């Protein structure tokens, strides 16, 4: 009888611990009438589903998973219309509850996140990058127009502007990573955006990281880059 009771208790403990997710994602997709929301992550270059909720006439949602450290996750909406474009929100997940509120019409561009300082910083960084990318597209348009017009002087000028823009993006990214070196997003931004930067600059950045961040997933990736 004692052995049977012990087996039941052990089974209950295992069952409870397996359902004890430490990251909760909740929020609202205004205007959504029908669709499925997926909480996803990337493992070995493959996107995997961690949790999902099927919504029918309800725009509030809650998803959860168990995580070991802050990392990049994705909120993917399948509207069941065959169009997967602009239906993914990338965010930095962490333990606790994270709220994501958005609208169906601007799912990936008009969302708000609370409960994740790394996600706040990621939004700030992406906002500046969008401005740089917009400038880049404008310059490329001028470049091709100058080619058609055979305007060598303008071509040379645009090339210089493009090189300066790339330099500005690198410097902003490096400065952003150093300024936020006490957050997991610091090495993430570095390894995902400027892994080919000057090795001495990458080593300098790595040295600014506190031990906790050096030991994080992206801190270890950055370390490997600096010793290659």
Foldseek 3Di string as FASTA:
>chain_A
DVVVVVVVVVVVVVVVVQPPFFEKEKEFAAPQAWWKKFKWDADPNDIDTAFMDTHHRGGIDMDTHHDDAKDKIKIAIDSVPPDRPQGIAIFITGGDYKYKYYYPVNRHNGIDIPDDPLRVLVVVLVVVVVVLVVVLVVLVVQLVVCVVVVPVVSNVVSVVVNVVSVVVNVVVLLVSLLVPLADLVSLVSCVVPPLPPDLVSLVVSLVSHDPVNCPDPSVVVSVVSSVD
